PDB file of N, CA and C in Angstrom:
ATOM      1  N   MET A   1       0.442  -1.218   0.176  1.00  0.00           N
ATOM      2  CA  MET A   1       0.257   0.056   0.176  1.00  0.00           C
ATOM      3  C   MET A   1       1.019   1.554   0.006  1.00  0.00           C
ATOM      4  N   ASN A   2       0.721   2.099  -0.916  1.00  0.00           N
ATOM      5  CA  ASN A   2       1.409   3.304  -1.085  1.00  0.00           C
ATOM      6  C   ASN A   2       0.720   4.724  -0.172  1.00  0.00           C
ATOM      7  N   VAL A   3       1.431   5.466   0.031  1.00  0.00           N
ATOM      8  CA  VAL A   3       0.924   6.408   0.607  1.00  0.00           C
ATOM      9  C   VAL A   3      -0.452   7.097   0.849  1.00  0.00           C
ATOM     10  N   THR A   4      -0.638   7.176  -0.691  1.00  0.00           N
ATOM     11  CA  THR A   4      -1.702   7.928  -1.420  1.00  0.00           C
ATOM     12  C   THR A   4      -2.735   6.627  -1.286  1.00  0.00           C
ATOM     13  N   GLU A   5      -2.989   5.896  -1.076  1.00  0.00           N
ATOM     14  CA  GLU A   5      -3.843   4.426  -0.802  1.00  0.00           C
ATOM     15  C   GLU A   5      -3.916   4.223   0.218  1.00  0.00           C
ATOM     16  N   PHE A   6      -3.326   4.569   1.074  1.00  0.00           N
ATOM     17  CA  PHE A   6      -3.128   4.619   2.847  1.00  0.00           C
ATOM     18  C   PHE A   6      -3.785   5.696   3.222  1.00  0.00           C
ATOM     19  N   LEU A   7      -3.923   7.060   2.701  1.00  0.00           N
ATOM     20  CA  LEU A   7      -4.519   8.165   3.117  1.00  0.00           C
ATOM     21  C   LEU A   7      -6.119   7.899   2.623  1.00  0.00           C
ATOM     22  N   GLU A   8      -6.220   7.346   1.768  1.00  0.00           N
ATOM     23  CA  GLU A   8      -7.216   7.460   1.000  1.00  0.00           C
ATOM     24  C   GLU A   8      -8.293   6.754   2.241  1.00  0.00           C
ATOM     25  N   ALA A   9      -7.841   5.323   2.410  1.00  0.00           N
ATOM     26  CA  ALA A   9      -8.817   4.387   3.181  1.00  0.00           C
ATOM     27  C   ALA A   9      -8.961   5.194   4.213  1.00  0.00           C
ATOM     28  N   ARG A  10      -8.102   6.006   5.045  1.00  0.00           N
ATOM     29  CA  ARG A  10      -8.355   6.469   6.147  1.00  0.00           C
ATOM     30  C   ARG A  10      -9.166   7.694   6.199  1.00  0.00           C
ATOM     31  N   PHE A  11      -9.134   8.397   5.439  1.00  0.00           N
ATOM     32  CA  PHE A  11     -10.088   9.509   5.007  1.00  0.00           C
ATOM     33  C   PHE A  11     -11.631   8.860   4.939  1.00  0.00           C
ATOM     34  N   ASP A  12     -11.546   7.669   4.304  1.00  0.00           N
ATOM     35  CA  ASP A  12     -12.919   6.905   4.076  1.00  0.00           C
ATOM     36  C   ASP A  12     -13.394   6.899   5.108  1.00  0.00           C
ATOM     37  N   GLU A  13     -12.346   5.801   6.324  1.00  0.00           N
ATOM     38  CA  GLU A  13     -12.930   5.747   7.692  1.00  0.00           C
ATOM     39  C   GLU A  13     -12.675   6.976   8.662  1.00  0.00           C
ATOM     40  N   ASP A  14     -12.618   7.739   8.278  1.00  0.00           N
ATOM     41  CA  ASP A  14     -12.708   8.994   9.192  1.00  0.00           C
ATOM     42  C   ASP A  14     -14.500   9.640   8.415  1.00  0.00           C
ATOM     43  N   GLU A  15     -14.609   9.459   7.188  1.00  0.00           N
ATOM     44  CA  GLU A  15     -15.822  10.259   6.631  1.00  0.00           C
ATOM     45  C   GLU A  15     -17.073   9.130   8.028  1.00  0.00           C
ATOM     46  N   GLN A  16     -16.769   8.293   7.362  1.00  0.00           N
ATOM     47  CA  GLN A  16     -17.873   7.439   7.841  1.00  0.00           C
ATOM     48  C   GLN A  16     -17.986   7.377   9.358  1.00  0.00           C
ATOM     49  N   TYR A  17     -16.940   7.301  10.357  1.00  0.00           N
ATOM     50  CA  TYR A  17     -17.086   7.837  11.272  1.00  0.00           C
ATOM     51  C   TYR A  17     -17.880   9.102  11.722  1.00  0.00           C
ATOM     52  N   VAL A  18     -17.382  10.142  11.187  1.00  0.00           N
ATOM     53  CA  VAL A  18     -18.278  11.278  11.158  1.00  0.00           C
ATOM     54  C   VAL A  18     -19.919  11.582  10.953  1.00  0.00           C
ATOM     55  N   GLN A  19     -20.256  10.776   9.962  1.00  0.00           N
ATOM     56  CA  GLN A  19     -21.428  10.134   9.368  1.00  0.00           C
ATOM     57  C   GLN A  19     -22.154   9.896  10.296  1.00  0.00           C
ATOM     58  N   GLU A  20     -21.293   8.314  10.965  1.00  0.00           N
ATOM     59  CA  GLU A  20     -22.390   7.566  12.090  1.00  0.00           C
ATOM     60  C   GLU A  20     -22.531   8.573  13.173  1.00  0.00           C
ATOM     61  N   LEU A  21     -21.573   8.858  13.806  1.00  0.00           N
ATOM     62  CA  LEU A  21     -22.196   9.838  14.793  1.00  0.00           C
ATOM     63  C   LEU A  21     -23.059  10.932  14.218  1.00  0.00           C
ATOM     64  N   LEU A  22     -22.844  11.312  13.415  1.00  0.00           N
ATOM     65  CA  LEU A  22     -24.137  12.121  13.030  1.00  0.00           C
ATOM     66  C   LEU A  22     -25.383  11.646  12.925  1.00  0.00           C
ATOM     67  N   GLU A  23     -25.233  10.675  12.157  1.00  0.00           N
ATOM     68  CA  GLU A  23     -26.848   9.876  12.526  1.00  0.00           C
ATOM     69  C   GLU A  23     -27.208   9.218  13.564  1.00  0.00           C
ATOM     70  N   HIS A  24     -26.041   8.834  14.411  1.00  0.00           N
ATOM     71  CA  HIS A  24     -26.957   8.309  15.501  1.00  0.00           C
ATOM     72  C   HIS A  24     -27.259   9.413  16.438  1.00  0.00           C
ATOM     73  N   GLU A  25     -26.540  10.683  16.625  1.00  0.00           N
ATOM     74  CA  GLU A  25     -27.374  11.573  17.242  1.00  0.00           C
ATOM     75  C   GLU A  25     -28.329  12.202  16.719  1.00  0.00           C
ATOM     76  N   GLY A  26     -28.811  12.073  15.273  1.00  0.00           N
ATOM     77  CA  GLY A  26     -29.967  12.471  15.370  1.00  0.00           C
ATOM     78  C   GLY A  26     -31.004  11.651  15.474  1.00  0.00           C
ATOM     79  N   ARG A  27     -30.749  10.173  15.614  1.00  0.00           N
ATOM     80  CA  ARG A  27     -31.751   8.940  15.792  1.00  0.00           C
ATOM     81  C   ARG A  27     -31.898   9.329  17.497  1.00  0.00           C
ATOM     82  N   GLU A  28     -31.069   9.810  17.936  1.00  0.00           N
ATOM     83  CA  GLU A  28     -31.062   9.371  19.969  1.00  0.00           C
ATOM     84  C   GLU A  28     -31.993  11.294  19.852  1.00  0.00           C
ATOM     85  N   ALA A  29     -31.619  12.292  19.102  1.00  0.00           N
ATOM     86  CA  ALA A  29     -32.514  13.003  19.385  1.00  0.00           C
ATOM     87  C   ALA A  29     -33.985  12.886  18.548  1.00  0.00           C
ATOM     88  N   ALA A  30     -33.973  12.692  17.609  1.00  0.00           N
ATOM     89  CA  ALA A  30     -35.910  11.951  17.541  1.00  0.00           C
ATOM     90  C   ALA A  30     -36.519  11.756  18.532  1.00  0.00           C
ATOM     91  N   GLU A  31     -35.444  10.592  19.319  1.00  0.00           N
ATOM     92  CA  GLU A  31     -36.352   9.640  19.957  1.00  0.00           C
ATOM     93  C   GLU A  31     -36.598  10.110  21.459  1.00  0.00           C
ATOM     94  N   GLY A  32     -36.088  11.606  21.366  1.00  0.00           N
ATOM     95  CA  GLY A  32     -36.219  12.124  22.774  1.00  0.00           C
ATOM     96  C   GLY A  32     -35.144  11.477  24.035  1.00  0.00           C
ATOM     97  N   ARG A  33     -34.381  10.814  23.387  1.00  0.00           N
ATOM     98  CA  ARG A  33     -33.022  10.273  24.169  1.00  0.00           C
ATOM     99  C   ARG A  33     -32.134  11.141  24.133  1.00  0.00           C
ATOM    100  N   ILE A  34     -30.647  10.525  25.416  1.00  0.00           N
ATOM    101  CA  ILE A  34     -29.687  11.758  25.343  1.00  0.00           C
ATOM    102  C   ILE A  34     -28.962  11.395  24.471  1.00  0.00           C
ATOM    103  N   THR A  35     -27.931  12.761  23.662  1.00  0.00           N
ATOM    104  CA  THR A  35     -27.323  12.025  23.112  1.00  0.00           C
ATOM    105  C   THR A  35     -25.990  11.788  22.710  1.00  0.00           C
ATOM    106  N   ILE A  36     -25.222  11.707  22.159  1.00  0.00           N
ATOM    107  CA  ILE A  36     -24.367  11.059  21.841  1.00  0.00           C
ATOM    108  C   ILE A  36     -23.320  12.181  22.579  1.00  0.00           C
ATOM    109  N   ARG A  37     -23.382  12.795  22.011  1.00  0.00           N
ATOM    110  CA  ARG A  37     -22.490  14.100  23.193  1.00  0.00           C
ATOM    111  C   ARG A  37     -22.436  13.955  24.461  1.00  0.00           C
ATOM    112  N   ARG A  38     -23.341  13.548  24.991  1.00  0.00           N
ATOM    113  CA  ARG A  38     -23.635  13.717  26.560  1.00  0.00           C
ATOM    114  C   ARG A  38     -21.999  12.541  26.880  1.00  0.00           C
ATOM    115  N   TRP A  39     -22.377  11.498  26.219  1.00  0.00           N
ATOM    116  CA  TRP A  39     -21.092  10.305  26.273  1.00  0.00           C
ATOM    117  C   TRP A  39     -19.920  10.453  26.348  1.00  0.00           C
ATOM    118  N   LEU A  40     -19.203  11.338  25.247  1.00  0.00           N
ATOM    119  CA  LEU A  40     -18.204  11.619  25.371  1.00  0.00           C
ATOM    120  C   LEU A  40     -17.704  12.080  26.629  1.00  0.00           C
ATOM    121  N   PRO A  41     -16.119  12.347  26.559  1.00  0.00           N
ATOM    122  CA  PRO A  41     -15.731  13.011  27.326  1.00  0.00           C
ATOM    123  C   PRO A  41     -15.267  14.210  27.335  1.00  0.00           C
ATOM    124  N   ALA A  42     -15.557  15.061  28.282  1.00  0.00           N
ATOM    125  CA  ALA A  42     -14.952  16.745  27.786  1.00  0.00           C
ATOM    126  C   ALA A  42     -13.875  16.905  27.258  1.00  0.00           C
ATOM    127  N   VAL A  43     -14.292  17.834  26.379  1.00  0.00           N
ATOM    128  CA  VAL A  43     -12.726  18.665  25.820  1.00  0.00           C
ATOM    129  C   VAL A  43     -12.280  19.443  27.036  1.00  0.00           C
ATOM    130  N   PRO A  44     -10.724  19.479  27.006  1.00  0.00           N
ATOM    131  CA  PRO A  44     -10.259  20.161  28.168  1.00  0.00           C
ATOM    132  C   PRO A  44     -10.487  21.844  27.735  1.00  0.00           C
ATOM    133  N   GLY A  45     -10.787  21.973  29.176  1.00  0.00           N
ATOM    134  CA  GLY A  45     -11.356  23.573  29.334  1.00  0.00           C
ATOM    135  C   GLY A  45     -12.868  24.130  29.170  1.00  0.00           C
ATOM    136  N   MET A  46     -13.768  22.737  28.814  1.00  0.00           N
ATOM    137  CA  MET A  46     -14.730  23.092  28.578  1.00  0.00           C
ATOM    138  C   MET A  46     -16.035  22.542  29.760  1.00  0.00           C
ATOM    139  N   LYS A  47     -16.940  23.747  30.037  1.00  0.00           N
ATOM    140  CA  LYS A  47     -17.313  23.354  31.039  1.00  0.00           C
ATOM    141  C   LYS A  47     -18.766  21.612  31.459  1.00  0.00           C
ATOM    142  N   HIS A  48     -18.857  21.431  29.950  1.00  0.00           N
ATOM    143  CA  HIS A  48     -19.565  20.198  30.170  1.00  0.00           C
ATOM    144  C   HIS A  48     -19.105  19.235  29.105  1.00  0.00           C
ATOM    145  N   ALA A  49     -19.717  17.866  28.604  1.00  0.00           N
ATOM    146  CA  ALA A  49     -19.188  17.336  28.147  1.00  0.00           C
ATOM    147  C   ALA A  49     -19.903  17.153  26.671  1.00  0.00           C
ATOM    148  N   ASP A  50     -18.597  18.166  26.034  1.00  0.00           N
ATOM    149  CA  ASP A  50     -19.067  17.812  24.390  1.00  0.00           C
ATOM    150  C   ASP A  50     -18.197  17.759  23.394  1.00  0.00           C
ATOM    151  N   PRO A  51     -18.170  16.859  22.514  1.00  0.00           N
ATOM    152  CA  PRO A  51     -16.929  16.648  21.864  1.00  0.00           C
ATOM    153  C   PRO A  51     -16.968  17.575  20.746  1.00  0.00           C
ATOM    154  N   TRP A  52     -17.385  18.491  20.573  1.00  0.00           N
ATOM    155  CA  TRP A  52     -17.863  19.145  19.295  1.00  0.00           C
ATOM    156  C   TRP A  52     -17.503  20.509  19.995  1.00  0.00           C
ATOM    157  N   PRO A  53     -15.876  21.772  19.624  1.00  0.00           N
ATOM    158  CA  PRO A  53     -16.236  22.640  20.930  1.00  0.00           C
ATOM    159  C   PRO A  53     -17.163  23.956  20.095  1.00  0.00           C
ATOM    160  N   PHE A  54     -17.148  23.684  18.762  1.00  0.00           N
ATOM    161  CA  PHE A  54     -17.946  24.587  17.804  1.00  0.00           C
ATOM    162  C   PHE A  54     -19.439  23.844  17.457  1.00  0.00           C
ATOM    163  N   PRO A  55     -20.560  24.310  17.090  1.00  0.00           N
ATOM    164  CA  PRO A  55     -21.629  23.386  16.284  1.00  0.00           C
ATOM    165  C   PRO A  55     -21.178  22.757  15.193  1.00  0.00           C
ATOM    166  N   GLN A  56     -20.595  24.144  14.107  1.00  0.00           N
ATOM    167  CA  GLN A  56     -20.148  23.080  12.799  1.00  0.00           C
ATOM    168  C   GLN A  56     -19.488  22.862  12.923  1.00  0.00           C
ATOM    169  N   ALA A  57     -18.436  21.894  13.886  1.00  0.00           N
ATOM    170  CA  ALA A  57     -17.356  20.773  13.275  1.00  0.00           C
ATOM    171  C   ALA A  57     -17.474  19.654  12.584  1.00  0.00           C
ATOM    172  N   PRO A  58     -18.699  18.842  13.458  1.00  0.00           N
ATOM    173  CA  PRO A  58     -18.399  18.097  12.359  1.00  0.00           C
ATOM    174  C   PRO A  58     -18.494  18.059  10.724  1.00  0.00           C
ATOM    175  N   LYS A  59     -19.478  19.308   9.975  1.00  0.00           N
ATOM    176  CA  LYS A  59     -19.334  19.466   9.139  1.00  0.00           C
ATOM    177  C   LYS A  59     -17.720  20.097   8.616  1.00  0.00           C
ATOM    178  N   ARG A  60     -17.125  20.867   9.562  1.00  0.00           N
ATOM    179  CA  ARG A  60     -15.903  20.963   9.496  1.00  0.00           C
ATOM    180  C   ARG A  60     -14.534  19.789   9.181  1.00  0.00           C
ATOM    181  N   LEU A  61     -14.793  18.683   9.519  1.00  0.00           N
ATOM    182  CA  LEU A  61     -14.260  17.669   9.930  1.00  0.00           C
ATOM    183  C   LEU A  61     -14.474  16.769   8.179  1.00  0.00           C
ATOM    184  N   LEU A  62     -15.772  16.968   7.503  1.00  0.00           N
ATOM    185  CA  LEU A  62     -16.340  16.694   6.580  1.00  0.00           C
ATOM    186  C   LEU A  62     -15.394  17.278   5.559  1.00  0.00           C
ATOM    187  N   GLU A  63     -15.386  18.931   5.953  1.00  0.00           N
ATOM    188  CA  GLU A  63     -14.812  19.667   4.621  1.00  0.00           C
ATOM    189  C   GLU A  63     -13.141  19.396   4.806  1.00  0.00           C
ATOM    190  N   GLU A  64     -12.531  19.158   5.752  1.00  0.00           N
ATOM    191  CA  GLU A  64     -11.560  19.128   6.227  1.00  0.00           C
ATOM    192  C   GLU A  64     -11.011  17.621   5.294  1.00  0.00           C
ATOM    193  N   ILE A  65     -11.331  16.819   5.839  1.00  0.00           N
ATOM    194  CA  ILE A  65     -11.672  15.709   4.678  1.00  0.00           C
ATOM    195  C   ILE A  65     -11.146  15.653   3.105  1.00  0.00           C
ATOM    196  N   ARG A  66     -12.528  16.517   2.337  1.00  0.00           N
ATOM    197  CA  ARG A  66     -12.244  16.812   1.553  1.00  0.00           C
ATOM    198  C   ARG A  66     -11.425  17.709   0.725  1.00  0.00           C
ATOM    199  N   ALA A  67     -10.739  18.753   1.573  1.00  0.00           N
ATOM    200  CA  ALA A  67      -9.843  19.181   1.775  1.00  0.00           C
ATOM    201  C   ALA A  67      -8.596  18.828   1.336  1.00  0.00           C
ATOM    202  N   LYS A  68      -8.565  17.576   2.139  1.00  0.00           N
ATOM    203  CA  LYS A  68      -7.138  16.843   1.741  1.00  0.00           C
ATOM    204  C   LYS A  68      -7.168  15.784   0.953  1.00  0.00           C
ATOM    205  N   ARG A  69      -8.220  15.688   0.471  1.00  0.00           N
ATOM    206  CA  ARG A  69      -8.075  14.765  -1.224  1.00  0.00           C
ATOM    207  C   ARG A  69      -8.632  15.888  -2.171  1.00  0.00           C
ATOM    208  N   ALA A  70      -8.795  16.460  -1.831  1.00  0.00           N
ATOM    209  CA  ALA A  70      -7.981  17.991  -3.239  1.00  0.00           C
ATOM    210  C   ALA A  70      -6.440  18.126  -3.101  1.00  0.00           C
ATOM    211  N   VAL A  71      -6.115  18.139  -2.087  1.00  0.00           N
ATOM    212  CA  VAL A  71      -4.333  18.289  -2.195  1.00  0.00           C
ATOM    213  C   VAL A  71      -3.897  17.387  -2.692  1.00  0.00           C
ATOM    214  N   ILE A  72      -4.381  15.906  -2.342  1.00  0.00           N
ATOM    215  CA  ILE A  72      -4.227  14.784  -3.269  1.00  0.00           C
ATOM    216  C   ILE A  72      -4.230  14.900  -4.299  1.00  0.00           C
ATOM    217  N   ALA A  73      -4.897  15.075  -5.177  1.00  0.00           N
ATOM    218  CA  ALA A  73      -5.254  15.228  -6.412  1.00  0.00           C
ATOM    219  C   ALA A  73      -4.630  16.259  -7.275  1.00  0.00           C
ATOM    220  N   ALA A  74      -4.207  17.422  -6.389  1.00  0.00           N
ATOM    221  CA  ALA A  74      -3.334  18.598  -7.194  1.00  0.00           C
ATOM    222  C   ALA A  74      -2.279  18.102  -7.004  1.00  0.00           C
ATOM    223  N   LEU A  75      -1.597  17.318  -6.206  1.00  0.00           N
ATOM    224  CA  LEU A  75      -0.150  17.030  -5.913  1.00  0.00           C
ATOM    225  C   LEU A  75      -0.043  15.763  -7.400  1.00  0.00           C
ATOM    226  N   GLN A  76      -1.077  15.100  -7.664  1.00  0.00           N
ATOM    227  CA  GLN A  76      -1.345  13.954  -8.377  1.00  0.00           C
ATOM    228  C   GLN A  76      -0.866  14.908 -10.017  1.00  0.00           C
ATOM    229  N   ASP A  77      -1.323  16.124  -9.911  1.00  0.00           N
ATOM    230  CA  ASP A  77      -1.516  16.690 -11.103  1.00  0.00           C
ATOM    231  C   ASP A  77      -0.559  17.149 -11.388  1.00  0.00           C
ATOM    232  N   LEU A  78       0.471  17.193 -10.659  1.00  0.00           N
ATOM    233  CA  LEU A  78       1.876  17.586 -10.740  1.00  0.00           C
ATOM    234  C   LEU A  78       2.447  16.926 -12.012  1.00  0.00           C
ATOM    235  N   PRO A  79       3.486  17.767 -13.034  1.00  0.00           N
ATOM    236  CA  PRO A  79       3.850  17.141 -13.636  1.00  0.00           C
ATOM    237  C   PRO A  79       5.317  15.586 -13.780  1.00  0.00           C
ATOM    238  N   ALA A  80       5.131  15.181 -13.751  1.00  0.00           N
ATOM    239  CA  ALA A  80       5.719  13.851 -13.756  1.00  0.00           C
ATOM    240  C   ALA A  80       5.946  13.273 -12.136  1.00  0.00           C
ATOM    241  N   PHE A  81       4.434  13.101 -11.678  1.00  0.00           N
ATOM    242  CA  PHE A  81       4.299  13.121 -10.434  1.00  0.00           C
ATOM    243  C   PHE A  81       4.712  11.342 -10.098  1.00  0.00           C
ATOM    244  N   ASP A  82       5.457  11.084  -9.582  1.00  0.00           N
ATOM    245  CA  ASP A  82       6.536   9.708  -8.723  1.00  0.00           C
ATOM    246  C   ASP A  82       7.036  10.299  -7.764  1.00  0.00           C
ATOM    247  N   PRO A  83       6.374   9.213  -6.250  1.00  0.00           N
ATOM    248  CA  PRO A  83       6.950   9.894  -5.117  1.00  0.00           C
ATOM    249  C   PRO A  83       8.679   9.039  -5.242  1.00  0.00           C
ATOM    250  N   GLY A  84       8.511   8.338  -5.748  1.00  0.00           N
ATOM    251  CA  GLY A  84       9.747   7.562  -5.208  1.00  0.00           C
ATOM    252  C   GLY A  84      11.219   8.211  -6.617  1.00  0.00           C
ATOM    253  N   ASN A  85      11.070   9.272  -7.413  1.00  0.00           N
ATOM    254  CA  ASN A  85      11.912   9.938  -7.918  1.00  0.00           C
ATOM    255  C   ASN A  85      12.670  11.128  -7.311  1.00  0.00           C
ATOM    256  N   ASP A  86      13.702  10.955  -7.295  1.00  0.00           N
ATOM    257  CA  ASP A  86      14.715  12.139  -6.596  1.00  0.00           C
ATOM    258  C   ASP A  86      15.517  12.467  -7.411  1.00  0.00           C
ATOM    259  N   SER A  87      14.629  13.052  -8.874  1.00  0.00           N
ATOM    260  CA  SER A  87      15.416  13.719  -9.782  1.00  0.00           C
ATOM    261  C   SER A  87      15.119  14.785 -10.243  1.00  0.00           C
ATOM    262  N   THR A  88      13.539  15.011  -9.341  1.00  0.00           N
ATOM    263  CA  THR A  88      13.351  16.453  -9.334  1.00  0.00           C
ATOM    264  C   THR A  88      12.569  17.193  -8.356  1.00  0.00           C
ATOM    265  N   ASP A  89      12.302  18.416  -7.778  1.00  0.00           N
ATOM    266  CA  ASP A  89      11.954  18.952  -6.710  1.00  0.00           C
ATOM    267  C   ASP A  89      10.647  18.700  -6.145  1.00  0.00           C
ATOM    268  N   GLY A  90       9.911  18.693  -7.619  1.00  0.00           N
ATOM    269  CA  GLY A  90       8.096  18.972  -7.355  1.00  0.00           C
ATOM    270  C   GLY A  90       7.983  17.612  -7.050  1.00  0.00           C
ATOM    271  N   PRO A  91       8.004  15.929  -7.441  1.00  0.00           N
ATOM    272  CA  PRO A  91       8.105  14.776  -7.108  1.00  0.00           C
ATOM    273  C   PRO A  91       8.415  14.498  -5.801  1.00  0.00           C
ATOM    274  N   ARG A  92       9.197  15.183  -5.339  1.00  0.00           N
ATOM    275  CA  ARG A  92      10.332  14.965  -3.701  1.00  0.00           C
ATOM    276  C   ARG A  92       9.290  15.837  -2.641  1.00  0.00           C
ATOM    277  N   LEU A  93       8.647  17.044  -3.617  1.00  0.00           N
ATOM    278  CA  LEU A  93       8.036  17.990  -2.428  1.00  0.00           C
ATOM    279  C   LEU A  93       6.782  17.511  -2.301  1.00  0.00           C
ATOM    280  N   ALA A  94       5.867  16.266  -3.511  1.00  0.00           N
ATOM    281  CA  ALA A  94       4.657  15.864  -3.163  1.00  0.00           C
ATOM    282  C   ALA A  94       4.652  15.085  -2.443  1.00  0.00           C
ATOM    283  N   GLU A  95       6.093  13.790  -2.324  1.00  0.00           N
ATOM    284  CA  GLU A  95       6.042  12.804  -1.668  1.00  0.00           C
ATOM    285  C   GLU A  95       6.101  13.302  -0.289  1.00  0.00           C
ATOM    286  N   LYS A  96       6.934  14.185   0.283  1.00  0.00           N
ATOM    287  CA  LYS A  96       6.928  14.896   1.361  1.00  0.00           C
ATOM    288  C   LYS A  96       5.476  15.261   1.727  1.00  0.00           C
ATOM    289  N   VAL A  97       4.499  16.058   1.311  1.00  0.00           N
ATOM    290  CA  VAL A  97       3.251  16.359   1.322  1.00  0.00           C
ATOM    291  C   VAL A  97       2.421  15.331   1.964  1.00  0.00           C
ATOM    292  N   LEU A  98       2.383  14.038   1.125  1.00  0.00           N
ATOM    293  CA  LEU A  98       1.466  13.075   1.168  1.00  0.00           C
ATOM    294  C   LEU A  98       1.722  12.405   2.421  1.00  0.00           C
ATOM    295  N   CYS A  99       3.197  12.431   2.898  1.00  0.00           N
ATOM    296  CA  CYS A  99       4.092  12.174   4.135  1.00  0.00           C
ATOM    297  C   CYS A  99       3.613  12.377   5.185  1.00  0.00           C
ATOM    298  N   ALA A 100       3.570  13.642   4.711  1.00  0.00           N
ATOM    299  CA  ALA A 100       3.103  14.837   6.340  1.00  0.00           C
ATOM    300  C   ALA A 100       1.364  14.528   6.624  1.00  0.00           C
ATOM    301  N   LEU A 101       0.918  14.616   5.624  1.00  0.00           N
ATOM    302  CA  LEU A 101      -0.932  14.395   5.852  1.00  0.00           C
ATOM    303  C   LEU A 101      -0.767  12.503   5.962  1.00  0.00           C
ATOM    304  N   ALA A 102       0.087  12.479   6.289  1.00  0.00           N
ATOM    305  CA  ALA A 102      -0.208  10.696   6.848  1.00  0.00           C
ATOM    306  C   ALA A 102       0.273  10.365   8.240  1.00  0.00           C
ATOM    307  N   GLN A 103       0.877  11.548   8.710  1.00  0.00           N
ATOM    308  CA  GLN A 103       1.354  11.585   9.922  1.00  0.00           C
ATOM    309  C   GLN A 103       0.184  11.477  10.942  1.00  0.00           C
ATOM    310  N   PRO A 104      -0.869  11.877  10.990  1.00  0.00           N
ATOM    311  CA  PRO A 104      -1.700  11.451  12.503  1.00  0.00           C
ATOM    312  C   PRO A 104      -2.228  10.157  12.047  1.00  0.00           C
ATOM    313  N   TYR A 105      -1.744   9.555  11.519  1.00  0.00           N
ATOM    314  CA  TYR A 105      -2.311   8.045  10.984  1.00  0.00           C
ATOM    315  C   TYR A 105      -1.296   7.300  11.972  1.00  0.00           C
ATOM    316  N   ALA A 106       0.125   7.705  12.315  1.00  0.00           N
ATOM    317  CA  ALA A 106       0.673   6.663  12.410  1.00  0.00           C
ATOM    318  C   ALA A 106       0.937   5.631  13.601  1.00  0.00           C
ATOM    319  N   GLY A 107      -0.297   5.290  14.619  1.00  0.00           N
ATOM    320  CA  GLY A 107      -0.807   4.806  15.329  1.00  0.00           C
ATOM    321  C   GLY A 107      -1.453   3.264  15.227  1.00  0.00           C
ATOM    322  N   HIS A 108      -1.996   3.624  13.282  1.00  0.00           N
ATOM    323  CA  HIS A 108      -2.412   2.541  12.618  1.00  0.00           C
ATOM    324  C   HIS A 108      -1.720   1.706  12.137  1.00  0.00           C
ATOM    325  N   ASP A 109      -1.960   0.284  12.150  1.00  0.00           N
ATOM    326  CA  ASP A 109      -1.300  -0.474  11.821  1.00  0.00           C
ATOM    327  C   ASP A 109      -0.510  -0.712   9.891  1.00  0.00           C
ATOM    328  N   ASP A 110      -1.165  -0.110   9.290  1.00  0.00           N
ATOM    329  CA  ASP A 110      -1.091   0.341   8.157  1.00  0.00           C
ATOM    330  C   ASP A 110       0.173   1.140   7.890  1.00  0.00           C
ATOM    331  N   PHE A 111       0.824   2.194   8.653  1.00  0.00           N
ATOM    332  CA  PHE A 111       1.566   3.404   8.912  1.00  0.00           C
ATOM    333  C   PHE A 111       2.834   2.681   8.342  1.00  0.00           C
ATOM    334  N   ASP A 112       3.425   3.447   7.477  1.00  0.00           N
ATOM    335  CA  ASP A 112       4.728   3.097   7.389  1.00  0.00           C
ATOM    336  C   ASP A 112       5.617   3.888   8.038  1.00  0.00           C
ATOM    337  N   PRO A 113       6.529   3.588   8.543  1.00  0.00           N
ATOM    338  CA  PRO A 113       7.423   4.082   9.184  1.00  0.00           C
ATOM    339  C   PRO A 113       8.468   5.198   8.453  1.00  0.00           C
ATOM    340  N   ASP A 114       8.660   5.026   7.517  1.00  0.00           N
ATOM    341  CA  ASP A 114       9.102   5.447   6.194  1.00  0.00           C
ATOM    342  C   ASP A 114       8.809   6.418   5.888  1.00  0.00           C
ATOM    343  N   TRP A 115       7.460   6.533   5.846  1.00  0.00           N
ATOM    344  CA  TRP A 115       7.234   7.933   5.609  1.00  0.00           C
ATOM    345  C   TRP A 115       7.014   9.159   6.525  1.00  0.00           C
ATOM    346  N   THR A 116       7.529   8.739   8.003  1.00  0.00           N
ATOM    347  CA  THR A 116       7.515   9.534   8.733  1.00  0.00           C
ATOM    348  C   THR A 116       9.382  10.223   8.706  1.00  0.00           C
ATOM    349  N   ARG A 117      10.175   9.182   8.226  1.00  0.00           N
ATOM    350  CA  ARG A 117      11.656   9.592   8.044  1.00  0.00           C
ATOM    351  C   ARG A 117      11.571  10.598   6.718  1.00  0.00           C
ATOM    352  N   THR A 118      10.542  10.763   5.902  1.00  0.00           N
ATOM    353  CA  THR A 118      10.711  11.173   4.414  1.00  0.00           C
ATOM    354  C   THR A 118      10.287  12.923   5.418  1.00  0.00           C
ATOM    355  N   VAL A 119       8.952  12.397   6.094  1.00  0.00           N
ATOM    356  CA  VAL A 119       8.666  13.794   6.410  1.00  0.00           C
ATOM    357  C   VAL A 119      10.425  14.874   7.048  1.00  0.00           C
ATOM    358  N   LEU A 120      10.360  14.162   7.950  1.00  0.00           N
ATOM    359  CA  LEU A 120      12.083  14.507   8.691  1.00  0.00           C
ATOM    360  C   LEU A 120      12.876  14.547   8.323  1.00  0.00           C
ATOM    361  N   TYR A 121      13.197  14.141   6.999  1.00  0.00           N
ATOM    362  CA  TYR A 121      15.039  13.989   6.710  1.00  0.00           C
ATOM    363  C   TYR A 121      15.125  14.171   5.012  1.00  0.00           C
ATOM    364  N   GLY A 122      13.420  14.195   4.533  1.00  0.00           N
ATOM    365  CA  GLY A 122      13.285  13.975   2.889  1.00  0.00           C
ATOM    366  C   GLY A 122      13.966  12.598   2.230  1.00  0.00           C
TER     367      GLY A 122
END
């Protein structure tokens, strides 16, 4: 699995997770039961248990996923995009950006530690 495939799979998982939370909250509210927001731990510094520090957070998270996908698409549109090619700065920069986007998922079983080395040492 290359870094682009890894990122797309993680973005799919993230998107599904947020959608499921939103759907679950909607069902709970419609049934008059307590929402999942109250079940999750409080955000540090907040006075009540609410995982979203502002109401638009779930939608913003989905927009972030879309934006990251747009970055990947833009990088793939660069001339001679080839993450393994050291002959030009463009492809090497593209690889570093992709590897940087993968860093929040370092704890995932499919994460390749070489991606961290690429970010740190080029």
